[in-house]
Amino acid sequence: MIQYEEKVDELQNEKIANENCEKYYDNLLIEHGKLKRLVKDLETNNTDLDSKYNQQTTENKNLISSKTQLSDKLTDCLTTLKQKSVVIPCDKLSCPAFGNYSATHVVNIENGQSFKIPCNSDESNLVWSVIERRLDQSLDLDRRWIEYREGFGDFQKEFFIGLEKLHLMTKQQPHQLLIRLRVGREMKFAKYSHFEIAGEDENYAIRSLGEFSGDAGDGMRESEGKSFSTFDRDNDLHFKSNCAQVSKGGWWFDDCGTTNLNYQHSMKLVRWNNHMGSHTPIEMLIRPT
């Protein structure tokens, strides 16, 4: 009887143990399923993170490229701004109409340089810088190269502003050229749309004149592309003569040609567009386009 009861107890214990094992196994299966789902979620998250990382890397590269482009544009803008010559704005009161010789304004150019220059306003109130003026032909124009380079004369009377200043003003910023002179009893004009003077290394040649307009005739055209000449620096195209020495004035000569506003004659005559006459007063003026 005792052995029977012991056997029953043993069987019951085994049954309980088996039930516990089954419960433990079921729990393991549940935990295993949870782990699989967790691993899958982690893999999905990792894929998303990789995608976001790649996207962010691309965006960073684009930002760096955009920054570089903006920096280059800023550098170009600053360089252009630095190189351009700028005339301080003036109104008609500070730069009066043609015929008044008392006014000046300030021109700022590259590297912080600035200088005063005579000015006038036209009938449209546009301001022009006067680069040369001849009134009674009292100013001696038979001068050396260095004097034409630096400029000479009296702003209140007759003067030439100087080739180097002309070069600095026109080399980066397009300018118009206006020539006012007397033809017969009338004041007439010749205007050119794009006037540019080269540097001293190119003998201050007239690089460009642009299109002509006016009623005085296209007298400057023969000087386009020609170097400036003085008696001590002969750059003209005449195979024998020194045109500056003969005419007693520096100019952009072809072969002594049909135009020279710096011509000095005993009868105070000036050569313009194949016409010899007094032509004074004469003014050469420029303004930015």
C-alpha atoms as a PDB file:
ATOM      1  CA  MET A   1       0.000   0.000   0.000  1.00  0.00           C
ATOM      2  CA  ILE A   2       2.790   2.386   0.875  1.00  0.00           C
ATOM      3  CA  GLN A   3       4.583   1.664  -2.374  1.00  0.00           C
ATOM      4  CA  TYR A   4       1.409   2.421  -4.266  1.00  0.00           C
ATOM      5  CA  GLU A   5       1.001   5.809  -2.622  1.00  0.00           C
ATOM      6  CA  GLU A   6       4.621   6.633  -3.255  1.00  0.00           C
ATOM      7  CA  LYS A   7       4.166   5.759  -6.887  1.00  0.00           C
ATOM      8  CA  VAL A   8       1.108   7.993  -7.129  1.00  0.00           C
ATOM      9  CA  ASP A   9       3.008  10.880  -5.552  1.00  0.00           C
ATOM     10  CA  GLU A  10       5.859  10.347  -7.958  1.00  0.00           C
ATOM     11  CA  LEU A  11       3.524  10.400 -10.924  1.00  0.00           C
ATOM     12  CA  GLN A  12       1.824  13.543  -9.685  1.00  0.00           C
ATOM     13  CA  ASN A  13       5.164  15.254  -9.237  1.00  0.00           C
ATOM     14  CA  GLU A  14       6.200  14.274 -12.756  1.00  0.00           C
ATOM     15  CA  LYS A  15       2.897  15.618 -14.069  1.00  0.00           C
ATOM     16  CA  ILE A  16       3.429  18.910 -12.278  1.00  0.00           C
ATOM     17  CA  ALA A  17       6.996  19.072 -13.563  1.00  0.00           C
ATOM     18  CA  ASN A  18       5.806  18.403 -17.107  1.00  0.00           C
ATOM     19  CA  GLU A  19       3.167  21.098 -16.819  1.00  0.00           C
ATOM     20  CA  ASN A  20       5.788  23.545 -15.571  1.00  0.00           C
ATOM     21  CA  CYS A  21       8.066  22.624 -18.474  1.00  0.00           C
ATOM     22  CA  GLU A  22       5.255  23.189 -20.918  1.00  0.00           C
ATOM     23  CA  LYS A  23       4.509  26.595 -19.380  1.00  0.00           C
ATOM     24  CA  TYR A  24       8.206  27.504 -19.451  1.00  0.00           C
ATOM     25  CA  TYR A  25       8.433  26.396 -23.082  1.00  0.00           C
ATOM     26  CA  ASP A  26       5.373  28.438 -23.981  1.00  0.00           C
ATOM     27  CA  ASN A  27       6.921  31.443 -22.249  1.00  0.00           C
ATOM     28  CA  LEU A  28      10.146  30.884 -24.187  1.00  0.00           C
ATOM     29  CA  LEU A  29       8.197  30.824 -27.443  1.00  0.00           C
ATOM     30  CA  ILE A  30       6.478  34.083 -26.492  1.00  0.00           C
ATOM     31  CA  GLU A  31       9.793  35.737 -25.583  1.00  0.00           C
ATOM     32  CA  HIS A  32      11.361  34.400 -28.758  1.00  0.00           C
ATOM     33  CA  GLY A  33       8.578  35.982 -30.791  1.00  0.00           C
ATOM     34  CA  LYS A  34       9.079  39.268 -28.972  1.00  0.00           C
ATOM     35  CA  LEU A  35      12.813  39.129 -29.676  1.00  0.00           C
ATOM     36  CA  LYS A  36      12.199  38.441 -33.374  1.00  0.00           C
ATOM     37  CA  ARG A  37       9.857  41.426 -33.597  1.00  0.00           C
ATOM     38  CA  LEU A  38      12.398  43.563 -31.729  1.00  0.00           C
ATOM     39  CA  VAL A  39      15.184  42.488 -34.079  1.00  0.00           C
ATOM     40  CA  LYS A  40      12.974  43.260 -37.075  1.00  0.00           C
ATOM     41  CA  ASP A  41      12.126  46.683 -35.655  1.00  0.00           C
ATOM     42  CA  LEU A  42      15.812  47.353 -35.028  1.00  0.00           C
ATOM     43  CA  GLU A  43      16.684  46.339 -38.581  1.00  0.00           C
ATOM     44  CA  THR A  44      13.962  48.630 -39.921  1.00  0.00           C
ATOM     45  CA  ASN A  45      15.179  51.482 -37.737  1.00  0.00           C
ATOM     46  CA  ASN A  46      18.743  50.865 -38.854  1.00  0.00           C
ATOM     47  CA  THR A  47      17.669  51.001 -42.498  1.00  0.00           C
ATOM     48  CA  ASP A  48      15.828  54.262 -41.836  1.00  0.00           C
ATOM     49  CA  LEU A  49      18.874  55.673 -40.062  1.00  0.00           C
ATOM     50  CA  ASP A  50      21.124  54.691 -42.976  1.00  0.00           C
ATOM     51  CA  SER A  51      18.738  56.386 -45.385  1.00  0.00           C
ATOM     52  CA  LYS A  52      18.562  59.533 -43.254  1.00  0.00           C
ATOM     53  CA  TYR A  53      22.344  59.557 -42.873  1.00  0.00           C
ATOM     54  CA  ASN A  54      22.821  59.320 -46.637  1.00  0.00           C
ATOM     55  CA  GLN A  55      20.223  62.038 -47.173  1.00  0.00           C
ATOM     56  CA  GLN A  56      21.891  64.278 -44.605  1.00  0.00           C
ATOM     57  CA  THR A  57      25.298  63.645 -46.171  1.00  0.00           C
ATOM     58  CA  THR A  58      23.931  64.671 -49.576  1.00  0.00           C
ATOM     59  CA  GLU A  59      22.330  67.784 -48.097  1.00  0.00           C
ATOM     60  CA  ASN A  60      25.599  68.702 -46.369  1.00  0.00           C
ATOM     61  CA  LYS A  61      27.476  68.354 -49.653  1.00  0.00           C
ATOM     62  CA  ASN A  62      24.888  70.537 -51.394  1.00  0.00           C
ATOM     63  CA  LEU A  63      25.160  73.149 -48.641  1.00  0.00           C
ATOM     64  CA  ILE A  64      28.953  73.173 -48.905  1.00  0.00           C
ATOM     65  CA  SER A  65      28.694  73.543 -52.695  1.00  0.00           C
ATOM     66  CA  SER A  66      26.154  76.379 -52.362  1.00  0.00           C
ATOM     67  CA  LYS A  67      28.339  78.112 -49.783  1.00  0.00           C
ATOM     68  CA  THR A  68      31.340  77.862 -52.102  1.00  0.00           C
ATOM     69  CA  GLN A  69      29.343  79.291 -55.017  1.00  0.00           C
ATOM     70  CA  LEU A  70      28.033  82.160 -52.891  1.00  0.00           C
ATOM     71  CA  SER A  71      31.533  82.869 -51.615  1.00  0.00           C
ATOM     72  CA  ASP A  72      32.859  82.953 -55.190  1.00  0.00           C
ATOM     73  CA  LYS A  73      30.057  85.293 -56.284  1.00  0.00           C
ATOM     74  CA  LEU A  74      30.717  87.567 -53.314  1.00  0.00           C
ATOM     75  CA  THR A  75      34.414  87.666 -54.172  1.00  0.00           C
ATOM     76  CA  ASP A  76      33.592  88.497 -57.803  1.00  0.00           C
ATOM     77  CA  CYS A  77      31.187  91.237 -56.711  1.00  0.00           C
ATOM     78  CA  LEU A  78      33.713  92.767 -54.327  1.00  0.00           C
ATOM     79  CA  THR A  79      36.421  92.602 -56.989  1.00  0.00           C
ATOM     80  CA  THR A  80      34.156  94.219 -59.569  1.00  0.00           C
ATOM     81  CA  LEU A  81      33.048  96.899 -57.112  1.00  0.00           C
ATOM     82  CA  LYS A  82      36.660  97.611 -56.184  1.00  0.00           C
ATOM     83  CA  GLN A  83      37.727  97.880 -59.818  1.00  0.00           C
ATOM     84  CA  LYS A  84      34.926 100.123 -60.986  1.00  0.00           C
ATOM     85  CA  SER A  85      35.454 103.846 -61.001  1.00  0.00           C
ATOM     86  CA  VAL A  86      32.591 105.682 -59.342  1.00  0.00           C
ATOM     87  CA  VAL A  87      31.723 109.339 -59.679  1.00  0.00           C
ATOM     88  CA  ILE A  88      30.174 110.806 -56.544  1.00  0.00           C
ATOM     89  CA  PRO A  89      26.643 111.908 -57.565  1.00  0.00           C
ATOM     90  CA  CYS A  90      26.372 115.612 -58.272  1.00  0.00           C
ATOM     91  CA  ASP A  91      23.352 117.747 -59.059  1.00  0.00           C
ATOM     92  CA  LYS A  92      23.065 120.549 -61.554  1.00  0.00           C
ATOM     93  CA  LEU A  93      23.831 123.145 -58.901  1.00  0.00           C
ATOM     94  CA  SER A  94      27.254 121.663 -58.138  1.00  0.00           C
ATOM     95  CA  CYS A  95      27.930 120.903 -61.814  1.00  0.00           C
ATOM     96  CA  PRO A  96      26.396 123.818 -63.761  1.00  0.00           C
ATOM     97  CA  ALA A  97      25.532 123.982 -67.440  1.00  0.00           C
ATOM     98  CA  PHE A  98      28.050 124.063 -70.278  1.00  0.00           C
ATOM     99  CA  GLY A  99      29.942 127.323 -70.491  1.00  0.00           C
ATOM    100  CA  ASN A 100      30.547 127.589 -66.749  1.00  0.00           C
ATOM    101  CA  TYR A 101      34.159 126.760 -65.894  1.00  0.00           C
ATOM    102  CA  SER A 102      34.189 127.046 -62.098  1.00  0.00           C
ATOM    103  CA  ALA A 103      32.796 123.720 -60.814  1.00  0.00           C
ATOM    104  CA  THR A 104      34.537 120.477 -59.860  1.00  0.00           C
ATOM    105  CA  HIS A 105      33.456 117.146 -58.416  1.00  0.00           C
ATOM    106  CA  VAL A 106      35.298 114.189 -56.898  1.00  0.00           C
ATOM    107  CA  VAL A 107      35.975 110.942 -58.743  1.00  0.00           C
ATOM    108  CA  ASN A 108      36.708 107.796 -56.707  1.00  0.00           C
ATOM    109  CA  ILE A 109      38.587 105.005 -58.442  1.00  0.00           C
ATOM    110  CA  GLU A 110      40.158 101.673 -57.496  1.00  0.00           C
ATOM    111  CA  ASN A 111      42.431 101.207 -54.488  1.00  0.00           C
ATOM    112  CA  GLY A 112      40.857 104.163 -52.714  1.00  0.00           C
ATOM    113  CA  GLN A 113      42.298 106.776 -55.083  1.00  0.00           C
ATOM    114  CA  SER A 114      40.288 109.925 -55.667  1.00  0.00           C
ATOM    115  CA  PHE A 115      40.776 113.240 -57.414  1.00  0.00           C
ATOM    116  CA  LYS A 116      38.886 116.382 -58.326  1.00  0.00           C
ATOM    117  CA  ILE A 117      37.893 117.039 -61.900  1.00  0.00           C
ATOM    118  CA  PRO A 118      35.908 119.859 -63.551  1.00  0.00           C
ATOM    119  CA  CYS A 119      32.286 119.059 -64.361  1.00  0.00           C
ATOM    120  CA  ASN A 120      29.266 120.373 -66.243  1.00  0.00           C
ATOM    121  CA  SER A 121      25.645 119.338 -66.714  1.00  0.00           C
ATOM    122  CA  ASP A 122      23.936 119.011 -70.080  1.00  0.00           C
ATOM    123  CA  GLU A 123      20.400 120.070 -70.987  1.00  0.00           C
ATOM    124  CA  SER A 124      19.099 116.757 -69.566  1.00  0.00           C
ATOM    125  CA  ASN A 125      20.850 117.462 -66.232  1.00  0.00           C
ATOM    126  CA  LEU A 126      23.316 114.617 -66.851  1.00  0.00           C
ATOM    127  CA  VAL A 127      26.696 115.296 -65.239  1.00  0.00           C
ATOM    128  CA  TRP A 128      29.866 115.137 -67.350  1.00  0.00           C
ATOM    129  CA  SER A 129      33.516 115.176 -66.250  1.00  0.00           C
ATOM    130  CA  VAL A 130      35.605 117.605 -68.312  1.00  0.00           C
ATOM    131  CA  ILE A 131      38.889 116.000 -69.402  1.00  0.00           C
ATOM    132  CA  GLU A 132      40.200 118.802 -71.642  1.00  0.00           C
ATOM    133  CA  ARG A 133      39.297 122.429 -72.251  1.00  0.00           C
ATOM    134  CA  ARG A 134      40.690 124.981 -74.719  1.00  0.00           C
ATOM    135  CA  LEU A 135      39.382 128.558 -74.615  1.00  0.00           C
ATOM    136  CA  ASP A 136      41.810 131.182 -75.940  1.00  0.00           C
ATOM    137  CA  GLN A 137      44.608 128.742 -76.808  1.00  0.00           C
ATOM    138  CA  SER A 138      46.924 130.328 -74.247  1.00  0.00           C
ATOM    139  CA  LEU A 139      47.975 126.955 -72.779  1.00  0.00           C
ATOM    140  CA  ASP A 140      51.121 125.440 -74.267  1.00  0.00           C
ATOM    141  CA  LEU A 141      50.335 121.898 -75.446  1.00  0.00           C
ATOM    142  CA  ASP A 142      53.806 121.142 -76.817  1.00  0.00           C
ATOM    143  CA  ARG A 143      54.721 119.012 -73.808  1.00  0.00           C
ATOM    144  CA  ARG A 144      56.610 115.878 -72.879  1.00  0.00           C
ATOM    145  CA  TRP A 145      55.088 112.438 -72.430  1.00  0.00           C
ATOM    146  CA  ILE A 146      55.264 112.561 -68.630  1.00  0.00           C
ATOM    147  CA  GLU A 147      53.293 115.829 -68.584  1.00  0.00           C
ATOM    148  CA  TYR A 148      50.519 114.388 -70.731  1.00  0.00           C
ATOM    149  CA  ARG A 149      50.504 111.322 -68.510  1.00  0.00           C
ATOM    150  CA  GLU A 150      50.054 113.334 -65.299  1.00  0.00           C
ATOM    151  CA  GLY A 151      47.967 116.209 -66.676  1.00  0.00           C
ATOM    152  CA  PHE A 152      48.557 119.969 -66.680  1.00  0.00           C
ATOM    153  CA  GLY A 153      46.863 123.381 -66.824  1.00  0.00           C
ATOM    154  CA  ASP A 154      44.349 125.349 -64.757  1.00  0.00           C
ATOM    155  CA  PHE A 155      40.868 123.915 -64.092  1.00  0.00           C
ATOM    156  CA  GLN A 156      39.415 127.445 -64.182  1.00  0.00           C
ATOM    157  CA  LYS A 157      40.884 128.053 -67.644  1.00  0.00           C
ATOM    158  CA  GLU A 158      42.602 125.595 -69.988  1.00  0.00           C
ATOM    159  CA  PHE A 159      43.826 122.149 -68.979  1.00  0.00           C
ATOM    160  CA  PHE A 160      44.253 118.464 -69.820  1.00  0.00           C
ATOM    161  CA  ILE A 161      43.291 116.014 -67.053  1.00  0.00           C
ATOM    162  CA  GLY A 162      46.026 113.439 -67.789  1.00  0.00           C
ATOM    163  CA  LEU A 163      46.213 110.124 -69.634  1.00  0.00           C
ATOM    164  CA  GLU A 164      46.635 107.981 -66.524  1.00  0.00           C
ATOM    165  CA  LYS A 165      43.449 109.350 -64.961  1.00  0.00           C
ATOM    166  CA  LEU A 166      41.612 108.760 -68.224  1.00  0.00           C
ATOM    167  CA  HIS A 167      42.823 105.174 -68.240  1.00  0.00           C
ATOM    168  CA  LEU A 168      41.803 104.538 -64.628  1.00  0.00           C
ATOM    169  CA  MET A 169      38.354 106.041 -65.153  1.00  0.00           C
ATOM    170  CA  THR A 170      37.526 104.154 -68.351  1.00  0.00           C
ATOM    171  CA  LYS A 171      39.262 100.786 -68.006  1.00  0.00           C
ATOM    172  CA  GLN A 172      36.561  98.990 -65.994  1.00  0.00           C
ATOM    173  CA  GLN A 173      33.443 101.120 -66.410  1.00  0.00           C
ATOM    174  CA  PRO A 174      32.057 102.043 -69.845  1.00  0.00           C
ATOM    175  CA  HIS A 175      32.086 105.793 -70.532  1.00  0.00           C
ATOM    176  CA  GLN A 176      30.665 108.060 -73.183  1.00  0.00           C
ATOM    177  CA  LEU A 177      32.819 110.729 -74.816  1.00  0.00           C
ATOM    178  CA  LEU A 178      31.376 114.134 -75.725  1.00  0.00           C
ATOM    179  CA  ILE A 179      33.280 116.731 -77.726  1.00  0.00           C
ATOM    180  CA  ARG A 180      31.891 120.269 -77.867  1.00  0.00           C
ATOM    181  CA  LEU A 181      33.491 122.723 -80.280  1.00  0.00           C
ATOM    182  CA  ARG A 182      32.701 125.715 -82.416  1.00  0.00           C
ATOM    183  CA  VAL A 183      32.139 125.115 -86.116  1.00  0.00           C
ATOM    184  CA  GLY A 184      31.676 128.437 -87.859  1.00  0.00           C
ATOM    185  CA  ARG A 185      29.439 130.456 -85.562  1.00  0.00           C
ATOM    186  CA  GLU A 186      27.696 127.483 -83.971  1.00  0.00           C
ATOM    187  CA  MET A 187      28.552 125.168 -81.090  1.00  0.00           C
ATOM    188  CA  LYS A 188      28.323 121.597 -82.320  1.00  0.00           C
ATOM    189  CA  PHE A 189      29.013 118.218 -80.761  1.00  0.00           C
ATOM    190  CA  ALA A 190      30.328 114.736 -81.443  1.00  0.00           C
ATOM    191  CA  LYS A 191      29.303 111.966 -79.057  1.00  0.00           C
ATOM    192  CA  TYR A 192      30.713 108.433 -78.803  1.00  0.00           C
ATOM    193  CA  SER A 193      28.943 105.626 -76.947  1.00  0.00           C
ATOM    194  CA  HIS A 194      31.899 103.634 -75.541  1.00  0.00           C
ATOM    195  CA  PHE A 195      35.171 105.447 -74.889  1.00  0.00           C
ATOM    196  CA  GLU A 196      38.064 103.504 -73.370  1.00  0.00           C
ATOM    197  CA  ILE A 197      41.746 104.356 -72.950  1.00  0.00           C
ATOM    198  CA  ALA A 198      44.415 101.649 -72.570  1.00  0.00           C
ATOM    199  CA  GLY A 199      47.234 101.802 -70.017  1.00  0.00           C
ATOM    200  CA  GLU A 200      50.715 103.212 -70.437  1.00  0.00           C
ATOM    201  CA  ASP A 201      52.011  99.789 -71.489  1.00  0.00           C
ATOM    202  CA  GLU A 202      49.872 100.263 -74.629  1.00  0.00           C
ATOM    203  CA  ASN A 203      50.786 103.956 -75.010  1.00  0.00           C
ATOM    204  CA  TYR A 204      47.337 105.023 -73.771  1.00  0.00           C
ATOM    205  CA  ALA A 205      45.773 103.980 -77.071  1.00  0.00           C
ATOM    206  CA  ILE A 206      42.071 104.588 -77.704  1.00  0.00           C
ATOM    207  CA  ARG A 207      40.736 101.048 -77.413  1.00  0.00           C
ATOM    208  CA  SER A 208      37.183 101.947 -78.310  1.00  0.00           C
ATOM    209  CA  LEU A 209      34.961 104.824 -79.345  1.00  0.00           C
ATOM    210  CA  GLY A 210      31.670 103.025 -79.907  1.00  0.00           C
ATOM    211  CA  GLU A 211      28.905 104.522 -82.023  1.00  0.00           C
ATOM    212  CA  PHE A 212      28.963 108.141 -83.186  1.00  0.00           C
ATOM    213  CA  SER A 213      26.152 110.671 -82.958  1.00  0.00           C
ATOM    214  CA  GLY A 214      26.086 114.447 -83.331  1.00  0.00           C
ATOM    215  CA  ASP A 215      26.292 117.313 -85.817  1.00  0.00           C
ATOM    216  CA  ALA A 216      30.036 118.049 -85.754  1.00  0.00           C
ATOM    217  CA  GLY A 217      31.154 115.072 -87.836  1.00  0.00           C
ATOM    218  CA  ASP A 218      32.879 111.826 -86.813  1.00  0.00           C
ATOM    219  CA  GLY A 219      36.263 113.475 -86.392  1.00  0.00           C
ATOM    220  CA  MET A 220      37.655 111.076 -83.765  1.00  0.00           C
ATOM    221  CA  ARG A 221      37.193 107.887 -85.778  1.00  0.00           C
ATOM    222  CA  GLU A 222      40.667 107.935 -87.333  1.00  0.00           C
ATOM    223  CA  SER A 223      42.165 107.922 -83.798  1.00  0.00           C
ATOM    224  CA  GLU A 224      40.405 104.716 -82.718  1.00  0.00           C
ATOM    225  CA  GLY A 225      43.020 102.048 -81.989  1.00  0.00           C
ATOM    226  CA  LYS A 226      45.862 104.567 -82.228  1.00  0.00           C
ATOM    227  CA  SER A 227      48.530 105.217 -79.575  1.00  0.00           C
ATOM    228  CA  PHE A 228      49.105 108.605 -77.996  1.00  0.00           C
ATOM    229  CA  SER A 229      52.167 110.485 -79.246  1.00  0.00           C
ATOM    230  CA  THR A 230      54.269 113.363 -77.959  1.00  0.00           C
ATOM    231  CA  PHE A 231      57.372 114.985 -79.454  1.00  0.00           C
ATOM    232  CA  ASP A 232      59.576 112.881 -77.132  1.00  0.00           C
ATOM    233  CA  ARG A 233      57.624 109.640 -77.653  1.00  0.00           C
ATOM    234  CA  ASP A 234      56.716 109.245 -81.299  1.00  0.00           C
ATOM    235  CA  ASN A 235      54.059 106.526 -81.721  1.00  0.00           C
ATOM    236  CA  ASP A 236      52.320 107.813 -84.861  1.00  0.00           C
ATOM    237  CA  LEU A 237      52.086 105.854 -88.114  1.00  0.00           C
ATOM    238  CA  HIS A 238      53.730 108.437 -90.358  1.00  0.00           C
ATOM    239  CA  PHE A 239      56.834 106.876 -91.853  1.00  0.00           C
ATOM    240  CA  LYS A 240      58.827 110.145 -91.891  1.00  0.00           C
ATOM    241  CA  SER A 241      57.382 112.886 -89.681  1.00  0.00           C
ATOM    242  CA  ASN A 242      56.971 113.175 -85.929  1.00  0.00           C
ATOM    243  CA  CYS A 243      53.356 114.376 -85.965  1.00  0.00           C
ATOM    244  CA  ALA A 244      53.405 115.700 -82.387  1.00  0.00           C
ATOM    245  CA  GLN A 245      56.529 117.706 -83.113  1.00  0.00           C
ATOM    246  CA  VAL A 246      55.090 119.140 -86.323  1.00  0.00           C
ATOM    247  CA  SER A 247      51.709 120.057 -84.811  1.00  0.00           C
ATOM    248  CA  LYS A 248      53.210 121.155 -81.465  1.00  0.00           C
ATOM    249  CA  GLY A 249      50.761 119.084 -79.454  1.00  0.00           C
ATOM    250  CA  GLY A 250      50.304 115.495 -78.304  1.00  0.00           C
ATOM    251  CA  TRP A 251      47.451 113.437 -79.791  1.00  0.00           C
ATOM    252  CA  TRP A 252      46.253 109.990 -80.920  1.00  0.00           C
ATOM    253  CA  PHE A 253      47.732 110.253 -84.400  1.00  0.00           C
ATOM    254  CA  ASP A 254      47.263 108.069 -87.423  1.00  0.00           C
ATOM    255  CA  ASP A 255      49.630 109.578 -89.969  1.00  0.00           C
ATOM    256  CA  CYS A 256      49.205 113.172 -88.804  1.00  0.00           C
ATOM    257  CA  GLY A 257      45.607 112.820 -90.023  1.00  0.00           C
ATOM    258  CA  THR A 258      42.622 115.109 -90.300  1.00  0.00           C
ATOM    259  CA  THR A 259      41.868 115.674 -86.593  1.00  0.00           C
ATOM    260  CA  ASN A 260      44.015 117.071 -83.777  1.00  0.00           C
ATOM    261  CA  LEU A 261      42.301 119.113 -81.080  1.00  0.00           C
ATOM    262  CA  ASN A 262      45.729 119.855 -79.558  1.00  0.00           C
ATOM    263  CA  TYR A 263      47.066 121.391 -82.754  1.00  0.00           C
ATOM    264  CA  GLN A 264      48.909 124.688 -82.140  1.00  0.00           C
ATOM    265  CA  HIS A 265      48.973 127.084 -85.087  1.00  0.00           C
ATOM    266  CA  SER A 266      50.285 130.629 -85.354  1.00  0.00           C
ATOM    267  CA  MET A 267      46.777 131.717 -86.377  1.00  0.00           C
ATOM    268  CA  LYS A 268      45.273 129.742 -83.458  1.00  0.00           C
ATOM    269  CA  LEU A 269      43.634 127.243 -85.771  1.00  0.00           C
ATOM    270  CA  VAL A 270      42.667 123.695 -84.780  1.00  0.00           C
ATOM    271  CA  ARG A 271      42.194 120.669 -87.025  1.00  0.00           C
ATOM    272  CA  TRP A 272      38.876 118.802 -86.769  1.00  0.00           C
ATOM    273  CA  ASN A 273      37.440 116.292 -89.243  1.00  0.00           C
ATOM    274  CA  ASN A 274      39.580 117.576 -92.128  1.00  0.00           C
ATOM    275  CA  HIS A 275      38.679 121.194 -91.412  1.00  0.00           C
ATOM    276  CA  MET A 276      41.092 123.798 -90.127  1.00  0.00           C
ATOM    277  CA  GLY A 277      39.441 126.499 -88.017  1.00  0.00           C
ATOM    278  CA  SER A 278      39.530 128.275 -84.663  1.00  0.00           C
ATOM    279  CA  HIS A 279      36.902 125.887 -83.210  1.00  0.00           C
ATOM    280  CA  THR A 280      37.367 127.280 -79.683  1.00  0.00           C
ATOM    281  CA  PRO A 281      35.957 126.924 -77.153  1.00  0.00           C
ATOM    282  CA  ILE A 282      36.678 123.197 -77.249  1.00  0.00           C
ATOM    283  CA  GLU A 283      35.781 120.726 -74.508  1.00  0.00           C
ATOM    284  CA  MET A 284      36.218 116.974 -74.209  1.00  0.00           C
ATOM    285  CA  LEU A 285      33.965 115.389 -71.574  1.00  0.00           C
ATOM    286  CA  ILE A 286      33.185 111.869 -70.373  1.00  0.00           C
ATOM    287  CA  ARG A 287      30.517 110.230 -68.200  1.00  0.00           C
ATOM    288  CA  PRO A 288      29.738 106.628 -67.166  1.00  0.00           C
ATOM    289  CA  THR A 289      27.131 104.916 -69.340  1.00  0.00           C
END
